C-alpha cells in the first residue's frame, strides 16, 4: 500500500507528491512572497516581524531558509518535495539558469521532517571557487555551518566533471515512519 499510519496520521505516499518551491511554500503558509522582496533590509524586517533571529552576516537566502524552517516545516505532514533552495545554503548545488539566486536542489519532507536531500552537482570551477570564497567569509563571520575552501576540489572541477547529482535519504527517519516510532531513539 502507499498509505502508512504514523502517530495517528495516515500518510499517503501515492504519487504525485506535492511540489512547492521554497518561496512558494513560505507564501502558502505565511502569505509572504519573497519574490517581491528586493533588498536585504526588507528581508530583515520580515524576519524581525516573524520572530526570526538574524545575524550580522545573514543574507536574503538565509532568511528565506529560516522562515521556511520556522513557519513551514511544521505543516508538511503529507509527502512534499520542496524545490529551488537559495544559493547561500546550497554551496555545492548547480545554480538555476532561470533564477541564479536559487539552485537545482530538492528535499523530500514527510511527517514534518526532512526525509531526503538531493541536488544537481555544481560542475563550474569558477562559480564553485566564488561560492567557497563566500563560505570562507561566512565562516570568518561566525557561521559554523559554512564550508571551508577546498582547492583540491576546485582543481578537480577544472579537469572536468560531467553533470552529476546525488541523493541522501535519512534511512533512520524512513524506518521511524514504517515502524510508527515517534523518535529516532525509539
N, C-alpha and C. Protein backbone atom coordinates (compact mmCIF):
# COMPACT_ATOMS: atom_id res chain seq x y z
N UNK A 1 0.85 -1.18 0.00
CA UNK A 1 0.00 0.00 0.00
C UNK A 1 0.88 1.24 0.00
N UNK A 2 0.32 2.31 -0.46
CA UNK A 2 1.06 3.58 -0.43
C UNK A 2 0.65 4.43 0.78
N UNK A 3 -0.14 3.83 1.66
CA UNK A 3 -0.59 4.56 2.85
C UNK A 3 0.05 3.95 4.08
N UNK A 4 0.54 4.83 4.96
CA UNK A 4 1.22 4.40 6.17
C UNK A 4 0.60 5.16 7.35
N UNK A 5 0.24 4.43 8.39
CA UNK A 5 -0.24 5.08 9.61
C UNK A 5 0.98 5.47 10.44
N UNK A 6 1.03 6.74 10.81
CA UNK A 6 2.16 7.23 11.60
C UNK A 6 1.65 8.19 12.67
N UNK A 7 1.76 7.78 13.91
CA UNK A 7 1.42 8.61 15.05
C UNK A 7 0.01 9.22 14.92
N UNK A 8 -0.95 8.40 14.51
CA UNK A 8 -2.33 8.85 14.41
C UNK A 8 -2.69 9.53 13.10
N UNK A 9 -1.75 9.67 12.20
CA UNK A 9 -1.99 10.28 10.88
C UNK A 9 -1.83 9.20 9.82
N UNK A 10 -2.64 9.29 8.77
CA UNK A 10 -2.45 8.41 7.63
C UNK A 10 -1.67 9.19 6.58
N UNK A 11 -0.44 8.75 6.35
CA UNK A 11 0.41 9.39 5.34
C UNK A 11 0.17 8.70 4.00
N UNK A 12 -0.09 9.50 2.98
CA UNK A 12 -0.40 8.96 1.67
C UNK A 12 0.76 9.22 0.71
N UNK A 13 1.50 8.18 0.38
CA UNK A 13 2.66 8.29 -0.48
C UNK A 13 2.32 8.11 -1.96
N UNK A 14 1.02 8.09 -2.29
CA UNK A 14 0.60 7.94 -3.67
C UNK A 14 1.14 9.10 -4.50
N UNK A 15 1.81 8.81 -5.62
CA UNK A 15 2.28 9.90 -6.48
C UNK A 15 1.11 10.60 -7.15
N UNK A 16 1.27 11.82 -7.57
CA UNK A 16 2.47 12.62 -7.35
C UNK A 16 2.44 13.32 -5.99
N UNK A 17 3.60 13.50 -5.41
CA UNK A 17 3.71 14.26 -4.17
C UNK A 17 3.56 15.74 -4.50
N UNK A 18 3.09 16.49 -3.53
CA UNK A 18 3.00 17.95 -3.70
C UNK A 18 4.41 18.50 -3.90
N UNK A 19 4.55 19.37 -4.90
CA UNK A 19 5.83 20.03 -5.16
C UNK A 19 5.64 21.53 -5.01
N UNK A 20 6.48 22.13 -4.18
CA UNK A 20 6.46 23.58 -3.99
C UNK A 20 7.89 24.10 -3.97
N UNK A 21 8.10 25.26 -4.57
CA UNK A 21 9.40 25.91 -4.35
C UNK A 21 9.44 26.36 -2.90
N UNK A 22 10.63 26.57 -2.38
CA UNK A 22 10.74 27.04 -1.01
C UNK A 22 10.00 28.38 -0.85
N UNK A 23 10.14 29.25 -1.83
CA UNK A 23 9.48 30.56 -1.78
C UNK A 23 7.96 30.40 -1.81
N UNK A 24 7.45 29.51 -2.67
CA UNK A 24 6.00 29.30 -2.74
C UNK A 24 5.46 28.65 -1.46
N UNK A 25 6.25 27.78 -0.84
CA UNK A 25 5.81 27.17 0.42
C UNK A 25 5.69 28.23 1.51
N UNK A 26 6.64 29.14 1.56
CA UNK A 26 6.56 30.24 2.54
C UNK A 26 5.34 31.10 2.26
N UNK A 27 5.11 31.39 0.99
CA UNK A 27 3.94 32.20 0.62
C UNK A 27 2.64 31.49 1.02
N UNK A 28 2.58 30.17 0.80
CA UNK A 28 1.38 29.41 1.11
C UNK A 28 1.07 29.44 2.61
N UNK A 29 2.08 29.31 3.45
CA UNK A 29 1.84 29.17 4.89
C UNK A 29 2.00 30.46 5.69
N UNK A 30 2.56 31.51 5.08
CA UNK A 30 2.71 32.78 5.82
C UNK A 30 2.11 33.97 5.08
N UNK A 31 1.88 33.81 3.78
CA UNK A 31 1.39 34.94 2.99
C UNK A 31 2.51 35.85 2.49
N UNK A 32 3.75 35.57 2.85
CA UNK A 32 4.87 36.41 2.43
C UNK A 32 5.44 35.88 1.12
N UNK A 33 5.58 36.77 0.14
CA UNK A 33 6.12 36.41 -1.16
C UNK A 33 7.54 36.96 -1.29
N UNK A 34 8.53 36.11 -1.08
CA UNK A 34 9.92 36.56 -1.15
C UNK A 34 10.34 36.91 -2.58
N UNK A 35 9.54 36.55 -3.59
CA UNK A 35 9.83 37.02 -4.94
C UNK A 35 9.62 38.53 -5.05
N UNK A 36 8.84 39.08 -4.13
CA UNK A 36 8.58 40.52 -4.11
C UNK A 36 9.48 41.27 -3.11
N UNK A 37 10.39 40.55 -2.47
CA UNK A 37 11.33 41.17 -1.53
C UNK A 37 12.62 41.41 -2.30
N UNK A 38 12.98 42.70 -2.48
CA UNK A 38 14.08 43.04 -3.36
C UNK A 38 15.33 43.54 -2.65
N UNK A 39 15.31 43.59 -1.33
CA UNK A 39 16.50 44.05 -0.62
C UNK A 39 16.69 43.25 0.66
N UNK A 40 17.91 43.25 1.13
CA UNK A 40 18.21 42.59 2.39
C UNK A 40 17.48 43.28 3.54
N UNK A 41 17.35 44.58 3.47
CA UNK A 41 16.64 45.31 4.53
C UNK A 41 15.20 44.85 4.65
N UNK A 42 14.53 44.67 3.51
CA UNK A 42 13.15 44.17 3.54
C UNK A 42 13.09 42.78 4.16
N UNK A 43 14.04 41.92 3.78
CA UNK A 43 14.07 40.55 4.31
C UNK A 43 14.32 40.58 5.82
N UNK A 44 15.21 41.45 6.28
CA UNK A 44 15.49 41.56 7.72
C UNK A 44 14.26 42.06 8.48
N UNK A 45 13.51 42.99 7.88
CA UNK A 45 12.27 43.47 8.52
C UNK A 45 11.25 42.34 8.65
N UNK A 46 11.13 41.53 7.61
CA UNK A 46 10.21 40.38 7.65
C UNK A 46 10.64 39.41 8.74
N UNK A 47 11.94 39.14 8.80
CA UNK A 47 12.46 38.22 9.82
C UNK A 47 12.13 38.74 11.22
N UNK A 48 12.34 40.01 11.44
CA UNK A 48 12.07 40.59 12.76
C UNK A 48 10.58 40.47 13.10
N UNK A 49 9.72 40.80 12.15
CA UNK A 49 8.28 40.74 12.35
C UNK A 49 7.81 39.32 12.67
N UNK A 50 8.51 38.32 12.11
CA UNK A 50 8.10 36.92 12.28
C UNK A 50 8.99 36.17 13.27
N UNK A 51 9.65 36.93 14.13
CA UNK A 51 10.41 36.36 15.26
C UNK A 51 11.52 35.41 14.81
N UNK A 52 12.21 35.78 13.73
CA UNK A 52 13.35 35.01 13.25
C UNK A 52 14.61 35.74 13.72
N UNK A 53 15.43 35.03 14.48
CA UNK A 53 16.70 35.61 14.91
C UNK A 53 17.63 35.73 13.72
N UNK A 54 18.25 36.89 13.57
CA UNK A 54 19.18 37.10 12.46
C UNK A 54 20.56 37.43 13.01
N UNK A 55 21.54 37.23 12.15
CA UNK A 55 22.92 37.56 12.48
C UNK A 55 23.39 38.63 11.52
N UNK A 56 24.47 39.26 11.87
CA UNK A 56 25.00 40.35 11.06
C UNK A 56 25.31 39.93 9.63
N UNK A 57 25.76 38.69 9.45
CA UNK A 57 26.15 38.23 8.12
C UNK A 57 25.03 37.51 7.36
N UNK A 58 23.80 37.58 7.85
CA UNK A 58 22.70 36.90 7.16
C UNK A 58 22.43 37.53 5.79
N UNK A 59 21.95 36.70 4.91
CA UNK A 59 21.59 37.12 3.55
C UNK A 59 20.10 36.85 3.36
N UNK A 60 19.58 37.33 2.26
CA UNK A 60 18.17 37.07 1.95
C UNK A 60 17.92 35.56 1.88
N UNK A 61 18.82 34.81 1.26
CA UNK A 61 18.66 33.36 1.15
C UNK A 61 18.63 32.67 2.50
N UNK A 62 19.46 33.11 3.42
CA UNK A 62 19.47 32.51 4.76
C UNK A 62 18.18 32.85 5.51
N UNK A 63 17.66 34.03 5.29
CA UNK A 63 16.40 34.42 5.93
C UNK A 63 15.24 33.60 5.34
N UNK A 64 15.27 33.39 4.04
CA UNK A 64 14.25 32.53 3.41
C UNK A 64 14.28 31.16 4.05
N UNK A 65 15.47 30.59 4.21
CA UNK A 65 15.59 29.26 4.81
C UNK A 65 15.10 29.26 6.26
N UNK A 66 15.44 30.28 7.01
CA UNK A 66 14.99 30.36 8.41
C UNK A 66 13.47 30.49 8.49
N UNK A 67 12.88 31.27 7.60
CA UNK A 67 11.41 31.39 7.57
C UNK A 67 10.78 30.04 7.24
N UNK A 68 11.37 29.33 6.30
CA UNK A 68 10.87 28.01 5.93
C UNK A 68 10.93 27.06 7.12
N UNK A 69 12.08 27.01 7.77
CA UNK A 69 12.25 26.09 8.90
C UNK A 69 11.29 26.42 10.05
N UNK A 70 11.10 27.69 10.32
CA UNK A 70 10.28 28.10 11.46
C UNK A 70 8.78 28.04 11.18
N UNK A 71 8.38 28.42 9.97
CA UNK A 71 6.94 28.61 9.71
C UNK A 71 6.32 27.65 8.69
N UNK A 72 7.13 26.81 8.04
CA UNK A 72 6.58 25.93 7.01
C UNK A 72 6.72 24.45 7.36
N UNK A 73 7.90 24.03 7.80
CA UNK A 73 8.15 22.59 8.02
C UNK A 73 7.07 21.93 8.86
N UNK A 74 6.58 22.62 9.86
CA UNK A 74 5.58 22.03 10.77
C UNK A 74 4.26 21.72 10.07
N UNK A 75 4.07 22.22 8.85
CA UNK A 75 2.84 21.96 8.09
C UNK A 75 3.00 20.82 7.07
N UNK A 76 4.18 20.29 6.92
CA UNK A 76 4.46 19.32 5.87
C UNK A 76 4.29 17.89 6.37
N UNK A 77 3.10 17.56 6.84
CA UNK A 77 2.81 16.22 7.33
C UNK A 77 2.77 15.23 6.16
N UNK A 78 1.99 15.53 5.13
CA UNK A 78 1.91 14.65 3.96
C UNK A 78 3.18 14.83 3.11
N UNK A 79 3.53 13.83 2.30
CA UNK A 79 4.76 13.91 1.49
C UNK A 79 4.78 15.14 0.57
N UNK A 80 5.89 15.83 0.62
CA UNK A 80 6.14 17.02 -0.20
C UNK A 80 7.55 16.96 -0.77
N UNK A 81 7.72 17.53 -1.94
CA UNK A 81 9.04 17.87 -2.44
C UNK A 81 9.14 19.38 -2.38
N UNK A 82 10.12 19.88 -1.66
CA UNK A 82 10.41 21.31 -1.64
C UNK A 82 11.60 21.52 -2.55
N UNK A 83 11.45 22.38 -3.55
CA UNK A 83 12.46 22.57 -4.58
C UNK A 83 12.98 24.01 -4.57
N UNK A 84 14.07 24.22 -5.30
CA UNK A 84 14.64 25.56 -5.53
C UNK A 84 15.10 26.21 -4.23
N UNK A 85 16.22 25.74 -3.71
CA UNK A 85 16.79 26.27 -2.47
C UNK A 85 17.71 27.45 -2.77
N UNK A 86 17.78 28.42 -1.85
CA UNK A 86 18.66 29.58 -2.06
C UNK A 86 20.12 29.15 -2.22
N UNK A 87 20.83 29.88 -3.05
CA UNK A 87 22.22 29.56 -3.33
C UNK A 87 23.09 29.64 -2.08
N UNK A 88 22.75 30.54 -1.15
CA UNK A 88 23.58 30.73 0.04
C UNK A 88 23.61 29.50 0.95
N UNK A 89 22.59 28.66 0.89
CA UNK A 89 22.55 27.49 1.74
C UNK A 89 22.80 26.20 0.95
N UNK A 90 23.20 26.35 -0.32
CA UNK A 90 23.43 25.21 -1.20
C UNK A 90 24.73 25.40 -1.97
N UNK A 91 25.86 25.48 -1.27
CA UNK A 91 27.11 25.86 -1.94
C UNK A 91 27.66 24.85 -2.93
N UNK A 92 27.15 23.63 -2.96
CA UNK A 92 27.65 22.63 -3.89
C UNK A 92 26.65 22.32 -5.00
N UNK A 93 25.51 23.00 -5.00
CA UNK A 93 24.45 22.71 -5.98
C UNK A 93 24.52 23.67 -7.16
N UNK A 94 24.13 23.16 -8.31
CA UNK A 94 24.14 23.94 -9.55
C UNK A 94 23.11 25.07 -9.49
N UNK A 95 23.52 26.22 -9.95
CA UNK A 95 22.68 27.42 -10.00
C UNK A 95 21.60 27.25 -11.06
N UNK A 96 20.37 27.69 -10.76
CA UNK A 96 19.29 27.61 -11.74
C UNK A 96 19.55 28.61 -12.88
N UNK A 97 19.29 28.18 -14.09
CA UNK A 97 19.52 29.05 -15.25
C UNK A 97 18.54 30.21 -15.28
N UNK A 98 17.28 29.95 -14.91
CA UNK A 98 16.25 30.99 -15.00
C UNK A 98 16.17 31.87 -13.76
N UNK A 99 16.86 31.49 -12.68
CA UNK A 99 16.86 32.31 -11.46
C UNK A 99 18.14 32.01 -10.68
N UNK A 100 19.22 32.73 -10.95
CA UNK A 100 20.53 32.40 -10.39
C UNK A 100 20.66 32.58 -8.87
N UNK A 101 19.64 33.07 -8.21
CA UNK A 101 19.68 33.16 -6.74
C UNK A 101 19.29 31.84 -6.09
N UNK A 102 18.85 30.87 -6.90
CA UNK A 102 18.39 29.58 -6.40
C UNK A 102 19.11 28.44 -7.11
N UNK A 103 18.98 27.24 -6.56
CA UNK A 103 19.72 26.09 -7.08
C UNK A 103 18.77 24.95 -7.45
N UNK A 104 19.32 24.02 -8.24
CA UNK A 104 18.60 22.79 -8.58
C UNK A 104 18.77 21.82 -7.41
N UNK A 105 17.96 22.02 -6.39
CA UNK A 105 18.03 21.19 -5.18
C UNK A 105 16.60 20.92 -4.71
N UNK A 106 16.39 19.74 -4.16
CA UNK A 106 15.11 19.47 -3.52
C UNK A 106 15.32 18.67 -2.26
N UNK A 107 14.35 18.76 -1.37
CA UNK A 107 14.30 17.92 -0.19
C UNK A 107 12.92 17.31 -0.11
N UNK A 108 12.88 16.04 0.27
CA UNK A 108 11.61 15.36 0.50
C UNK A 108 11.26 15.53 1.97
N UNK A 109 10.02 15.92 2.24
CA UNK A 109 9.53 16.08 3.61
C UNK A 109 8.34 15.17 3.83
N UNK A 110 8.32 14.49 4.97
CA UNK A 110 7.20 13.67 5.39
C UNK A 110 7.13 13.76 6.91
N UNK A 111 5.92 13.85 7.43
CA UNK A 111 5.72 13.94 8.88
C UNK A 111 6.50 15.11 9.48
N UNK A 112 6.50 16.22 8.74
CA UNK A 112 7.12 17.48 9.19
C UNK A 112 8.63 17.37 9.36
N UNK A 113 9.25 16.41 8.70
CA UNK A 113 10.70 16.23 8.79
C UNK A 113 11.27 16.02 7.40
N UNK A 114 12.52 16.46 7.25
CA UNK A 114 13.24 16.16 6.02
C UNK A 114 13.52 14.67 5.97
N UNK A 115 13.19 14.05 4.85
CA UNK A 115 13.45 12.62 4.66
C UNK A 115 14.63 12.41 3.73
N UNK A 116 14.87 13.33 2.82
CA UNK A 116 15.98 13.20 1.89
C UNK A 116 16.34 14.52 1.28
N UNK A 117 17.58 14.62 0.80
CA UNK A 117 18.12 15.82 0.21
C UNK A 117 18.82 15.43 -1.09
N UNK A 118 18.59 16.20 -2.15
CA UNK A 118 19.21 15.89 -3.44
C UNK A 118 19.45 17.17 -4.21
N UNK A 119 20.48 17.13 -5.07
CA UNK A 119 20.73 18.28 -5.92
C UNK A 119 21.61 17.90 -7.10
N UNK A 120 21.57 18.77 -8.12
CA UNK A 120 22.49 18.65 -9.24
C UNK A 120 23.80 19.27 -8.81
N UNK A 121 24.90 18.52 -8.94
CA UNK A 121 26.21 18.99 -8.50
C UNK A 121 26.69 20.15 -9.38
N UNK A 122 27.22 21.15 -8.72
CA UNK A 122 27.84 22.27 -9.42
C UNK A 122 29.11 21.75 -10.08
N UNK A 123 29.27 21.95 -11.38
CA UNK A 123 30.47 21.49 -12.06
C UNK A 123 31.23 22.61 -12.75
N UNK A 124 30.96 23.85 -12.38
CA UNK A 124 31.65 25.02 -12.90
C UNK A 124 32.71 25.45 -11.87
N UNK A 125 34.02 25.28 -12.18
CA UNK A 125 35.04 25.59 -11.18
C UNK A 125 35.10 27.06 -10.78
N UNK A 126 34.78 27.95 -11.69
CA UNK A 126 34.83 29.39 -11.38
C UNK A 126 33.71 29.73 -10.39
N UNK A 127 32.50 29.29 -10.68
CA UNK A 127 31.36 29.52 -9.79
C UNK A 127 31.62 28.86 -8.43
N UNK A 128 32.16 27.63 -8.44
CA UNK A 128 32.42 26.93 -7.18
C UNK A 128 33.43 27.68 -6.33
N UNK A 129 34.50 28.19 -6.95
CA UNK A 129 35.51 28.93 -6.20
C UNK A 129 34.91 30.19 -5.58
N UNK A 130 34.09 30.90 -6.34
CA UNK A 130 33.43 32.10 -5.80
C UNK A 130 32.55 31.75 -4.61
N UNK A 131 31.84 30.64 -4.69
CA UNK A 131 30.97 30.23 -3.58
C UNK A 131 31.78 29.81 -2.36
N UNK A 132 32.88 29.09 -2.60
CA UNK A 132 33.74 28.72 -1.47
C UNK A 132 34.30 29.97 -0.79
N UNK A 133 34.72 30.96 -1.59
CA UNK A 133 35.23 32.21 -1.01
C UNK A 133 34.16 32.90 -0.17
N UNK A 134 32.92 32.88 -0.64
CA UNK A 134 31.83 33.45 0.13
C UNK A 134 31.60 32.65 1.41
N UNK A 135 31.72 31.33 1.33
CA UNK A 135 31.57 30.49 2.51
C UNK A 135 32.68 30.78 3.53
N UNK A 136 33.90 31.02 3.05
CA UNK A 136 35.00 31.36 3.95
C UNK A 136 34.68 32.66 4.69
N UNK A 137 34.15 33.65 3.98
CA UNK A 137 33.74 34.91 4.63
C UNK A 137 32.68 34.64 5.70
N UNK A 138 31.71 33.78 5.36
CA UNK A 138 30.66 33.46 6.32
C UNK A 138 31.24 32.76 7.56
N UNK A 139 32.19 31.85 7.34
CA UNK A 139 32.81 31.12 8.45
C UNK A 139 33.57 32.11 9.35
N UNK A 140 34.31 33.03 8.72
CA UNK A 140 35.06 34.04 9.48
C UNK A 140 34.12 34.96 10.26
N UNK A 141 32.90 35.12 9.76
CA UNK A 141 31.91 35.97 10.44
C UNK A 141 31.14 35.20 11.51
N UNK A 142 31.50 33.92 11.71
CA UNK A 142 30.89 33.17 12.80
C UNK A 142 29.92 32.07 12.41
N UNK A 143 29.74 31.80 11.11
CA UNK A 143 28.82 30.75 10.67
C UNK A 143 29.52 29.40 10.77
N UNK A 144 29.16 28.61 11.76
CA UNK A 144 29.80 27.31 11.99
C UNK A 144 29.47 26.29 10.91
N UNK A 145 28.40 26.50 10.15
CA UNK A 145 27.99 25.54 9.12
C UNK A 145 28.57 25.85 7.75
N UNK A 146 29.33 26.95 7.63
CA UNK A 146 29.89 27.32 6.33
C UNK A 146 30.99 26.35 5.93
N UNK A 147 31.09 26.11 4.62
CA UNK A 147 32.08 25.19 4.08
C UNK A 147 33.46 25.85 4.07
N UNK A 148 34.52 25.07 4.27
CA UNK A 148 35.87 25.61 4.12
C UNK A 148 36.27 25.64 2.64
N UNK A 149 37.32 26.36 2.33
CA UNK A 149 37.86 26.37 0.97
C UNK A 149 38.42 24.98 0.67
N UNK A 150 38.17 24.49 -0.54
CA UNK A 150 38.68 23.18 -0.95
C UNK A 150 39.34 23.32 -2.31
N UNK A 151 40.62 23.69 -2.30
CA UNK A 151 41.36 23.91 -3.55
C UNK A 151 41.48 22.63 -4.38
N UNK A 152 41.62 21.48 -3.70
CA UNK A 152 41.72 20.21 -4.44
C UNK A 152 40.44 19.94 -5.23
N UNK A 153 39.29 20.23 -4.63
CA UNK A 153 38.02 20.02 -5.32
C UNK A 153 37.91 20.95 -6.53
N UNK A 154 38.30 22.20 -6.34
CA UNK A 154 38.25 23.16 -7.46
C UNK A 154 39.17 22.69 -8.58
N UNK A 155 40.37 22.23 -8.24
CA UNK A 155 41.30 21.73 -9.26
C UNK A 155 40.68 20.53 -9.99
N UNK A 156 40.03 19.65 -9.27
CA UNK A 156 39.38 18.51 -9.90
C UNK A 156 38.27 18.98 -10.85
N UNK A 157 37.52 20.00 -10.44
CA UNK A 157 36.48 20.54 -11.33
C UNK A 157 37.10 21.12 -12.60
N UNK A 158 38.27 21.74 -12.47
CA UNK A 158 38.94 22.32 -13.64
C UNK A 158 39.32 21.25 -14.66
N UNK A 159 39.59 20.03 -14.19
CA UNK A 159 39.89 18.93 -15.12
C UNK A 159 38.64 18.47 -15.84
N UNK A 160 37.49 18.69 -15.22
CA UNK A 160 36.22 18.35 -15.87
C UNK A 160 35.39 17.40 -15.02
N UNK A 161 34.17 17.78 -14.78
CA UNK A 161 33.22 16.95 -14.05
C UNK A 161 31.96 16.88 -14.89
N UNK A 162 31.55 15.70 -15.29
CA UNK A 162 30.31 15.61 -16.06
C UNK A 162 29.12 15.98 -15.17
N UNK A 163 27.98 16.27 -15.77
CA UNK A 163 26.80 16.55 -14.95
C UNK A 163 26.51 15.37 -14.03
N UNK A 164 26.38 15.65 -12.74
CA UNK A 164 26.14 14.62 -11.74
C UNK A 164 25.10 15.11 -10.75
N UNK A 165 24.62 14.21 -9.97
CA UNK A 165 23.67 14.56 -8.93
C UNK A 165 23.76 13.54 -7.82
N UNK A 166 23.17 13.87 -6.72
CA UNK A 166 23.22 12.95 -5.60
C UNK A 166 21.93 13.00 -4.80
N UNK A 167 21.71 11.96 -4.03
CA UNK A 167 20.53 11.87 -3.18
C UNK A 167 20.95 11.24 -1.87
N UNK A 168 20.60 11.89 -0.79
CA UNK A 168 20.84 11.32 0.53
C UNK A 168 19.50 11.12 1.23
N UNK A 169 19.24 9.89 1.64
CA UNK A 169 17.97 9.58 2.31
C UNK A 169 18.25 9.28 3.77
N UNK A 170 17.47 9.87 4.65
CA UNK A 170 17.58 9.58 6.07
C UNK A 170 16.91 8.24 6.35
N UNK A 171 17.67 7.16 6.23
CA UNK A 171 17.11 5.83 6.41
C UNK A 171 16.51 5.70 7.81
N UNK A 172 17.16 6.31 8.80
CA UNK A 172 16.62 6.25 10.16
C UNK A 172 15.24 6.89 10.23
N UNK A 173 15.03 7.99 9.54
CA UNK A 173 13.72 8.65 9.53
C UNK A 173 12.69 7.83 8.75
N UNK A 174 13.14 7.18 7.69
CA UNK A 174 12.24 6.30 6.94
C UNK A 174 11.79 5.13 7.81
N UNK A 175 12.71 4.55 8.55
CA UNK A 175 12.36 3.43 9.44
C UNK A 175 11.41 3.91 10.54
N UNK A 176 11.61 5.15 11.04
CA UNK A 176 10.66 5.71 12.01
C UNK A 176 9.24 5.68 11.46
N UNK A 177 9.08 6.12 10.20
CA UNK A 177 7.76 6.15 9.58
C UNK A 177 7.17 4.75 9.45
N UNK A 178 7.99 3.83 8.98
CA UNK A 178 7.48 2.48 8.72
C UNK A 178 7.19 1.69 9.99
N UNK A 179 7.85 2.06 11.10
CA UNK A 179 7.63 1.33 12.36
C UNK A 179 6.75 2.12 13.33
N UNK A 180 6.27 3.29 12.89
CA UNK A 180 5.41 4.14 13.72
C UNK A 180 6.13 4.58 15.02
N UNK A 181 7.44 4.77 14.94
CA UNK A 181 8.22 5.21 16.10
C UNK A 181 8.20 6.74 16.18
N UNK A 182 7.95 7.30 17.35
CA UNK A 182 7.87 8.76 17.47
C UNK A 182 9.22 9.47 17.43
N UNK A 183 10.33 8.74 17.67
CA UNK A 183 11.65 9.36 17.63
C UNK A 183 12.66 8.36 17.09
N UNK A 184 13.78 8.87 16.64
CA UNK A 184 14.85 8.01 16.12
C UNK A 184 15.34 7.07 17.22
N UNK A 185 15.47 7.58 18.41
CA UNK A 185 15.94 6.76 19.53
C UNK A 185 15.04 5.54 19.72
N UNK A 186 13.72 5.73 19.59
CA UNK A 186 12.78 4.61 19.75
C UNK A 186 12.94 3.62 18.62
